[in-house]
């Protein structure tokens, strides 16, 4: 399992190709990339904070949980922190398994966890000021299926 929390941008193509190239005997690779959205049209930046060490430990634990629930051979969780502009890539999840259903389900599980439970704190910065992003009901509801 490859877990990375970093400030620097990442190259989706390079990451996806490197992940796929490491897989042997796998029949499926699923990737998902999250992008900073400007829902209100006035977002200048998203500031993401985390506690080094604690965040990585939590991400490793959820990757292990995914590996226990589904037959995956490998997983990648890459999440950025710092100041990100709209349309920048914020995170990437990749899973590999012998069968596509396990890869898709494990990836969705990881994405739902990252959205609702991963120890990241997000602040939206606009011309009017800055506000912390509150938990959304629909993100919490998504966890109930697991």
N, C-alpha and C. Protein backbone atom coordinates (compact mmCIF):
# COMPACT_ATOMS: atom_id res chain seq x y z
N UNK A 1 0.84 -1.17 0.00
CA UNK A 1 0.00 0.00 0.00
C UNK A 1 0.89 1.24 0.00
N UNK A 2 0.53 2.18 -0.82
CA UNK A 2 1.30 3.41 -0.98
C UNK A 2 0.42 4.57 -0.49
N UNK A 3 0.81 5.16 0.63
CA UNK A 3 0.06 6.26 1.23
C UNK A 3 0.96 7.48 1.23
N UNK A 4 0.50 8.57 0.60
CA UNK A 4 1.30 9.78 0.55
C UNK A 4 0.44 11.00 0.83
N UNK A 5 0.92 11.86 1.71
CA UNK A 5 0.32 13.16 1.97
C UNK A 5 1.41 14.16 1.63
N UNK A 6 1.09 15.02 0.66
CA UNK A 6 2.13 15.90 0.16
C UNK A 6 1.56 17.26 -0.23
N UNK A 7 2.43 18.25 -0.24
CA UNK A 7 2.02 19.58 -0.66
C UNK A 7 2.13 19.74 -2.17
N UNK A 8 3.10 19.10 -2.76
CA UNK A 8 3.39 19.27 -4.19
C UNK A 8 2.29 18.69 -5.07
N UNK A 9 2.07 19.31 -6.23
CA UNK A 9 1.14 18.73 -7.20
C UNK A 9 1.65 17.36 -7.66
N UNK A 10 0.75 16.57 -8.23
CA UNK A 10 1.15 15.27 -8.77
C UNK A 10 0.67 15.17 -10.21
N UNK A 11 1.33 14.32 -10.96
CA UNK A 11 0.97 14.07 -12.35
C UNK A 11 0.11 12.82 -12.39
N UNK A 12 -1.16 12.99 -12.70
CA UNK A 12 -2.11 11.88 -12.70
C UNK A 12 -1.66 10.75 -13.61
N UNK A 13 -1.23 11.08 -14.81
CA UNK A 13 -0.80 10.05 -15.76
C UNK A 13 0.39 9.25 -15.24
N UNK A 14 1.37 9.96 -14.71
CA UNK A 14 2.56 9.29 -14.18
C UNK A 14 2.17 8.39 -13.01
N UNK A 15 1.36 8.92 -12.09
CA UNK A 15 0.95 8.13 -10.91
C UNK A 15 0.15 6.90 -11.31
N UNK A 16 -0.84 7.07 -12.20
CA UNK A 16 -1.69 5.96 -12.62
C UNK A 16 -0.87 4.90 -13.36
N UNK A 17 0.01 5.34 -14.26
CA UNK A 17 0.82 4.39 -15.00
C UNK A 17 1.80 3.65 -14.10
N UNK A 18 2.41 4.35 -13.16
CA UNK A 18 3.35 3.71 -12.23
C UNK A 18 2.62 2.70 -11.35
N UNK A 19 1.43 3.05 -10.89
CA UNK A 19 0.65 2.13 -10.06
C UNK A 19 0.30 0.88 -10.86
N UNK A 20 -0.20 1.07 -12.08
CA UNK A 20 -0.59 -0.07 -12.92
C UNK A 20 0.61 -0.95 -13.25
N UNK A 21 1.75 -0.33 -13.49
CA UNK A 21 2.95 -1.10 -13.85
C UNK A 21 3.44 -1.98 -12.71
N UNK A 22 3.12 -1.61 -11.46
CA UNK A 22 3.56 -2.41 -10.30
C UNK A 22 2.69 -3.65 -10.07
N UNK A 23 1.57 -3.73 -10.77
CA UNK A 23 0.62 -4.81 -10.51
C UNK A 23 0.98 -6.05 -11.31
N UNK A 24 0.96 -7.18 -10.65
CA UNK A 24 1.22 -8.46 -11.31
C UNK A 24 0.08 -9.40 -10.94
N UNK A 25 -0.52 -9.99 -11.93
CA UNK A 25 -1.61 -10.92 -11.68
C UNK A 25 -2.94 -10.25 -11.37
N UNK A 26 -3.00 -8.96 -11.51
CA UNK A 26 -4.24 -8.23 -11.26
C UNK A 26 -4.98 -8.07 -12.58
N UNK A 27 -6.31 -8.14 -12.53
CA UNK A 27 -7.11 -7.98 -13.73
C UNK A 27 -7.78 -6.63 -13.83
N UNK A 28 -7.67 -5.81 -12.78
CA UNK A 28 -8.35 -4.52 -12.79
C UNK A 28 -7.56 -3.49 -11.99
N UNK A 29 -7.52 -2.29 -12.52
CA UNK A 29 -7.00 -1.13 -11.80
C UNK A 29 -8.06 -0.05 -11.92
N UNK A 30 -8.47 0.50 -10.78
CA UNK A 30 -9.45 1.58 -10.74
C UNK A 30 -8.75 2.80 -10.15
N UNK A 31 -8.96 3.95 -10.79
CA UNK A 31 -8.41 5.19 -10.25
C UNK A 31 -9.51 6.23 -10.14
N UNK A 32 -9.35 7.10 -9.17
CA UNK A 32 -10.24 8.25 -8.99
C UNK A 32 -9.38 9.43 -8.61
N UNK A 33 -9.70 10.58 -9.18
CA UNK A 33 -8.97 11.80 -8.84
C UNK A 33 -9.97 12.87 -8.44
N UNK A 34 -9.74 13.48 -7.29
CA UNK A 34 -10.57 14.59 -6.83
C UNK A 34 -9.94 15.91 -7.23
N UNK A 35 -10.80 16.85 -7.60
CA UNK A 35 -10.35 18.16 -8.07
C UNK A 35 -11.04 19.25 -7.24
N UNK A 36 -10.32 20.30 -6.91
CA UNK A 36 -10.88 21.42 -6.16
C UNK A 36 -11.97 22.07 -7.02
N UNK A 37 -13.19 22.12 -6.48
CA UNK A 37 -14.33 22.70 -7.19
C UNK A 37 -14.63 24.10 -6.67
N UNK A 38 -15.07 24.93 -7.57
CA UNK A 38 -15.52 26.28 -7.21
C UNK A 38 -17.03 26.31 -7.37
N UNK A 39 -17.74 25.80 -6.36
CA UNK A 39 -19.19 25.68 -6.45
C UNK A 39 -19.91 27.02 -6.50
N UNK A 40 -19.39 28.01 -5.77
CA UNK A 40 -20.06 29.30 -5.72
C UNK A 40 -19.56 30.29 -6.75
N UNK A 41 -18.50 29.96 -7.44
CA UNK A 41 -17.97 30.85 -8.47
C UNK A 41 -17.03 31.92 -7.95
N UNK A 42 -16.74 31.92 -6.64
CA UNK A 42 -15.86 32.96 -6.11
C UNK A 42 -14.72 32.41 -5.26
N UNK A 43 -14.42 31.12 -5.42
CA UNK A 43 -13.34 30.50 -4.65
C UNK A 43 -11.99 30.91 -5.21
N UNK A 44 -11.13 31.44 -4.35
CA UNK A 44 -9.78 31.75 -4.81
C UNK A 44 -8.81 30.65 -4.41
N UNK A 45 -9.12 29.94 -3.31
CA UNK A 45 -8.24 28.84 -2.89
C UNK A 45 -8.95 27.95 -1.87
N UNK A 46 -8.45 26.74 -1.79
CA UNK A 46 -8.84 25.79 -0.73
C UNK A 46 -7.56 25.53 0.07
N UNK A 47 -7.63 25.79 1.37
CA UNK A 47 -6.48 25.54 2.23
C UNK A 47 -6.75 24.27 3.02
N UNK A 48 -5.84 23.32 2.93
CA UNK A 48 -6.01 22.02 3.56
C UNK A 48 -4.92 21.84 4.60
N UNK A 49 -5.34 21.55 5.82
CA UNK A 49 -4.41 21.31 6.92
C UNK A 49 -4.53 19.87 7.39
N UNK A 50 -3.47 19.38 8.03
CA UNK A 50 -3.47 18.03 8.59
C UNK A 50 -2.39 17.95 9.66
N UNK A 51 -2.44 16.90 10.45
CA UNK A 51 -1.39 16.64 11.43
C UNK A 51 -0.50 15.53 10.90
N UNK A 52 0.74 15.86 10.51
CA UNK A 52 1.64 14.82 9.99
C UNK A 52 1.79 13.69 11.02
N UNK A 53 1.85 12.51 10.52
CA UNK A 53 1.94 11.33 11.38
C UNK A 53 0.56 10.78 11.68
N UNK A 54 -0.30 11.59 12.26
CA UNK A 54 -1.66 11.15 12.57
C UNK A 54 -2.43 10.88 11.28
N UNK A 55 -2.29 11.76 10.31
CA UNK A 55 -3.03 11.59 9.06
C UNK A 55 -2.59 10.32 8.34
N UNK A 56 -1.30 10.14 8.19
CA UNK A 56 -0.80 8.95 7.50
C UNK A 56 -1.23 7.67 8.22
N UNK A 57 -1.19 7.69 9.54
CA UNK A 57 -1.62 6.51 10.32
C UNK A 57 -3.08 6.18 10.04
N UNK A 58 -3.93 7.20 10.00
CA UNK A 58 -5.35 6.99 9.72
C UNK A 58 -5.56 6.46 8.30
N UNK A 59 -4.81 6.98 7.33
CA UNK A 59 -4.94 6.53 5.95
C UNK A 59 -4.46 5.09 5.79
N UNK A 60 -3.39 4.73 6.47
CA UNK A 60 -2.92 3.33 6.45
C UNK A 60 -3.98 2.41 7.04
N UNK A 61 -4.61 2.83 8.12
CA UNK A 61 -5.64 2.00 8.76
C UNK A 61 -6.82 1.77 7.83
N UNK A 62 -7.25 2.78 7.12
CA UNK A 62 -8.40 2.60 6.23
C UNK A 62 -8.00 1.79 4.99
N UNK A 63 -6.77 1.92 4.53
CA UNK A 63 -6.30 1.09 3.42
C UNK A 63 -6.25 -0.38 3.85
N UNK A 64 -5.81 -0.63 5.07
CA UNK A 64 -5.80 -2.00 5.60
C UNK A 64 -7.22 -2.54 5.71
N UNK A 65 -8.16 -1.69 6.14
CA UNK A 65 -9.56 -2.10 6.23
C UNK A 65 -10.10 -2.48 4.86
N UNK A 66 -9.78 -1.70 3.85
CA UNK A 66 -10.21 -2.02 2.48
C UNK A 66 -9.63 -3.35 2.03
N UNK A 67 -8.36 -3.59 2.35
CA UNK A 67 -7.73 -4.85 1.97
C UNK A 67 -8.35 -6.04 2.69
N UNK A 68 -8.86 -5.83 3.90
CA UNK A 68 -9.53 -6.91 4.63
C UNK A 68 -10.93 -7.18 4.11
N UNK A 69 -11.59 -6.16 3.57
CA UNK A 69 -12.97 -6.31 3.09
C UNK A 69 -13.05 -6.84 1.66
N UNK A 70 -12.08 -6.45 0.83
CA UNK A 70 -12.11 -6.83 -0.58
C UNK A 70 -10.79 -7.46 -0.97
N UNK A 71 -10.82 -8.25 -1.99
CA UNK A 71 -9.62 -8.92 -2.48
C UNK A 71 -8.84 -7.98 -3.38
N UNK A 72 -8.13 -7.04 -2.76
CA UNK A 72 -7.30 -6.13 -3.54
C UNK A 72 -5.84 -6.51 -3.32
N UNK A 73 -5.07 -6.32 -4.36
CA UNK A 73 -3.64 -6.61 -4.27
C UNK A 73 -2.83 -5.41 -3.86
N UNK A 74 -3.37 -4.22 -4.11
CA UNK A 74 -2.63 -3.00 -3.81
C UNK A 74 -3.58 -1.82 -3.79
N UNK A 75 -3.14 -0.75 -3.15
CA UNK A 75 -3.91 0.50 -3.13
C UNK A 75 -2.94 1.67 -3.03
N UNK A 76 -3.37 2.78 -3.57
CA UNK A 76 -2.65 4.04 -3.49
C UNK A 76 -3.62 5.10 -2.97
N UNK A 77 -3.19 5.83 -1.96
CA UNK A 77 -3.92 7.02 -1.52
C UNK A 77 -2.92 8.16 -1.55
N UNK A 78 -3.21 9.16 -2.35
CA UNK A 78 -2.36 10.33 -2.46
C UNK A 78 -3.25 11.54 -2.18
N UNK A 79 -2.91 12.32 -1.16
CA UNK A 79 -3.74 13.47 -0.80
C UNK A 79 -2.83 14.67 -0.57
N UNK A 80 -3.20 15.79 -1.15
CA UNK A 80 -2.42 17.00 -1.00
C UNK A 80 -2.88 17.83 0.19
N UNK A 81 -2.00 18.69 0.65
CA UNK A 81 -2.33 19.67 1.67
C UNK A 81 -1.71 21.00 1.25
N UNK A 82 -2.06 22.05 1.96
CA UNK A 82 -1.56 23.37 1.62
C UNK A 82 -2.62 24.17 0.89
N UNK A 83 -2.19 25.15 0.15
CA UNK A 83 -3.10 26.05 -0.57
C UNK A 83 -3.25 25.57 -2.00
N UNK A 84 -4.48 25.24 -2.39
CA UNK A 84 -4.77 24.74 -3.73
C UNK A 84 -5.77 25.66 -4.42
N UNK A 85 -5.57 25.89 -5.68
CA UNK A 85 -6.46 26.74 -6.48
C UNK A 85 -7.59 25.89 -7.08
N UNK A 86 -8.68 26.51 -7.46
CA UNK A 86 -9.74 25.78 -8.15
C UNK A 86 -9.17 25.05 -9.38
N UNK A 87 -9.68 23.86 -9.62
CA UNK A 87 -9.30 22.99 -10.74
C UNK A 87 -7.98 22.25 -10.53
N UNK A 88 -7.32 22.44 -9.38
CA UNK A 88 -6.13 21.64 -9.09
C UNK A 88 -6.55 20.28 -8.55
N UNK A 89 -5.75 19.27 -8.83
CA UNK A 89 -6.00 17.94 -8.28
C UNK A 89 -5.66 17.95 -6.79
N UNK A 90 -6.60 17.44 -6.00
CA UNK A 90 -6.45 17.44 -4.55
C UNK A 90 -6.08 16.05 -4.02
N UNK A 91 -6.58 15.00 -4.69
CA UNK A 91 -6.31 13.65 -4.20
C UNK A 91 -6.47 12.63 -5.30
N UNK A 92 -5.93 11.44 -5.04
CA UNK A 92 -6.04 10.33 -5.97
C UNK A 92 -6.13 9.05 -5.16
N UNK A 93 -7.00 8.16 -5.61
CA UNK A 93 -7.10 6.82 -5.06
C UNK A 93 -6.94 5.85 -6.22
N UNK A 94 -6.19 4.79 -6.01
CA UNK A 94 -6.10 3.72 -7.00
C UNK A 94 -6.16 2.39 -6.26
N UNK A 95 -6.85 1.44 -6.85
CA UNK A 95 -6.90 0.08 -6.29
C UNK A 95 -6.66 -0.90 -7.41
N UNK A 96 -6.11 -2.05 -7.05
CA UNK A 96 -5.87 -3.12 -8.01
C UNK A 96 -6.39 -4.42 -7.42
N UNK A 97 -7.04 -5.20 -8.26
CA UNK A 97 -7.53 -6.52 -7.82
C UNK A 97 -7.62 -7.44 -9.02
N UNK A 98 -7.85 -8.70 -8.73
CA UNK A 98 -8.00 -9.68 -9.81
C UNK A 98 -9.30 -9.46 -10.57
N UNK A 99 -10.31 -8.89 -9.89
CA UNK A 99 -11.63 -8.69 -10.48
C UNK A 99 -12.07 -7.25 -10.27
N UNK A 100 -12.77 -6.70 -11.25
CA UNK A 100 -13.13 -5.28 -11.21
C UNK A 100 -14.05 -4.90 -10.06
N UNK A 101 -14.96 -5.78 -9.66
CA UNK A 101 -15.91 -5.41 -8.60
C UNK A 101 -15.17 -5.07 -7.31
N UNK A 102 -14.19 -5.87 -6.94
CA UNK A 102 -13.42 -5.58 -5.73
C UNK A 102 -12.66 -4.27 -5.85
N UNK A 103 -12.08 -4.03 -7.02
CA UNK A 103 -11.32 -2.78 -7.21
C UNK A 103 -12.23 -1.56 -7.11
N UNK A 104 -13.42 -1.63 -7.74
CA UNK A 104 -14.35 -0.50 -7.67
C UNK A 104 -14.86 -0.28 -6.25
N UNK A 105 -15.27 -1.36 -5.59
CA UNK A 105 -15.83 -1.20 -4.24
C UNK A 105 -14.78 -0.69 -3.26
N UNK A 106 -13.58 -1.22 -3.33
CA UNK A 106 -12.52 -0.76 -2.43
C UNK A 106 -12.20 0.71 -2.69
N UNK A 107 -12.16 1.11 -3.96
CA UNK A 107 -11.89 2.51 -4.28
C UNK A 107 -13.00 3.42 -3.75
N UNK A 108 -14.25 3.02 -3.93
CA UNK A 108 -15.36 3.83 -3.41
C UNK A 108 -15.32 3.94 -1.89
N UNK A 109 -15.01 2.85 -1.23
CA UNK A 109 -14.88 2.83 0.22
C UNK A 109 -13.79 3.82 0.66
N UNK A 110 -12.64 3.78 0.01
CA UNK A 110 -11.55 4.69 0.35
C UNK A 110 -11.94 6.15 0.10
N UNK A 111 -12.62 6.40 -1.01
CA UNK A 111 -13.03 7.78 -1.32
C UNK A 111 -14.04 8.29 -0.31
N UNK A 112 -15.00 7.46 0.09
CA UNK A 112 -15.98 7.88 1.09
C UNK A 112 -15.31 8.18 2.42
N UNK A 113 -14.33 7.37 2.80
CA UNK A 113 -13.60 7.63 4.04
C UNK A 113 -12.83 8.95 3.94
N UNK A 114 -12.14 9.16 2.82
CA UNK A 114 -11.36 10.38 2.66
C UNK A 114 -12.24 11.62 2.73
N UNK A 115 -13.43 11.53 2.20
CA UNK A 115 -14.34 12.68 2.18
C UNK A 115 -14.90 12.99 3.57
N UNK A 116 -15.11 11.96 4.38
CA UNK A 116 -15.84 12.16 5.64
C UNK A 116 -15.02 11.95 6.92
N UNK A 117 -14.02 11.09 6.88
CA UNK A 117 -13.36 10.72 8.13
C UNK A 117 -11.86 10.97 8.18
N UNK A 118 -11.24 11.17 7.06
CA UNK A 118 -9.79 11.40 7.07
C UNK A 118 -9.49 12.70 7.80
N UNK A 119 -8.43 12.73 8.58
CA UNK A 119 -8.13 13.93 9.38
C UNK A 119 -7.47 15.04 8.55
N UNK A 120 -8.29 15.64 7.69
CA UNK A 120 -7.91 16.83 6.94
C UNK A 120 -8.92 17.92 7.30
N UNK A 121 -8.45 19.14 7.39
CA UNK A 121 -9.33 20.27 7.65
C UNK A 121 -9.21 21.22 6.47
N UNK A 122 -10.39 21.58 5.91
CA UNK A 122 -10.41 22.37 4.68
C UNK A 122 -11.06 23.72 4.93
N UNK A 123 -10.42 24.74 4.39
CA UNK A 123 -10.93 26.10 4.49
C UNK A 123 -11.07 26.67 3.08
N UNK A 124 -12.26 27.18 2.78
CA UNK A 124 -12.48 27.84 1.49
C UNK A 124 -12.17 29.32 1.63
N UNK A 125 -11.36 29.83 0.73
CA UNK A 125 -10.95 31.23 0.74
C UNK A 125 -11.58 31.93 -0.46
N UNK A 126 -12.34 32.99 -0.17
CA UNK A 126 -12.96 33.80 -1.21
C UNK A 126 -12.61 35.27 -0.96
N UNK A 127 -13.04 36.14 -1.85
CA UNK A 127 -12.81 37.58 -1.66
C UNK A 127 -13.51 38.08 -0.40
N UNK A 128 -14.59 37.40 0.00
CA UNK A 128 -15.35 37.81 1.19
C UNK A 128 -14.72 37.32 2.49
N UNK A 129 -13.75 36.44 2.42
CA UNK A 129 -13.12 35.91 3.62
C UNK A 129 -12.86 34.42 3.50
N UNK A 130 -12.70 33.78 4.65
CA UNK A 130 -12.39 32.35 4.67
C UNK A 130 -13.32 31.65 5.65
N UNK A 131 -13.78 30.46 5.26
CA UNK A 131 -14.66 29.66 6.11
C UNK A 131 -14.22 28.20 6.07
N UNK A 132 -14.24 27.56 7.24
CA UNK A 132 -13.96 26.13 7.31
C UNK A 132 -15.10 25.37 6.66
N UNK A 133 -14.78 24.31 5.95
CA UNK A 133 -15.79 23.49 5.29
C UNK A 133 -16.39 22.54 6.33
N UNK A 134 -17.71 22.60 6.47
CA UNK A 134 -18.41 21.74 7.42
C UNK A 134 -18.71 20.38 6.78
N UNK A 135 -18.89 19.39 7.63
CA UNK A 135 -19.29 18.06 7.15
C UNK A 135 -20.64 18.17 6.45
N UNK A 136 -20.79 17.43 5.36
CA UNK A 136 -22.06 17.44 4.62
C UNK A 136 -22.83 16.16 4.90
N UNK A 137 -24.13 16.29 5.05
CA UNK A 137 -25.00 15.17 5.36
C UNK A 137 -24.85 14.06 4.33
N UNK A 138 -24.82 14.41 3.05
CA UNK A 138 -24.73 13.38 2.01
C UNK A 138 -23.41 12.61 2.06
N UNK A 139 -22.33 13.26 2.50
CA UNK A 139 -21.05 12.55 2.65
C UNK A 139 -21.11 11.59 3.83
N UNK A 140 -21.74 12.02 4.91
CA UNK A 140 -21.91 11.13 6.06
C UNK A 140 -22.82 9.96 5.72
N UNK A 141 -23.89 10.24 4.98
CA UNK A 141 -24.83 9.18 4.58
C UNK A 141 -24.15 8.14 3.70
N UNK A 142 -23.19 8.56 2.89
CA UNK A 142 -22.48 7.62 2.01
C UNK A 142 -21.75 6.54 2.80
N UNK A 143 -21.34 6.88 4.02
CA UNK A 143 -20.62 5.90 4.85
C UNK A 143 -21.51 4.77 5.35
N UNK A 144 -22.81 5.00 5.39
CA UNK A 144 -23.71 3.98 5.96
C UNK A 144 -23.77 2.72 5.12
N UNK A 145 -23.41 2.80 3.86
CA UNK A 145 -23.45 1.60 3.01
C UNK A 145 -22.31 0.65 3.29
N UNK A 146 -21.31 1.09 4.02
CA UNK A 146 -20.18 0.23 4.32
C UNK A 146 -20.32 -0.37 5.70
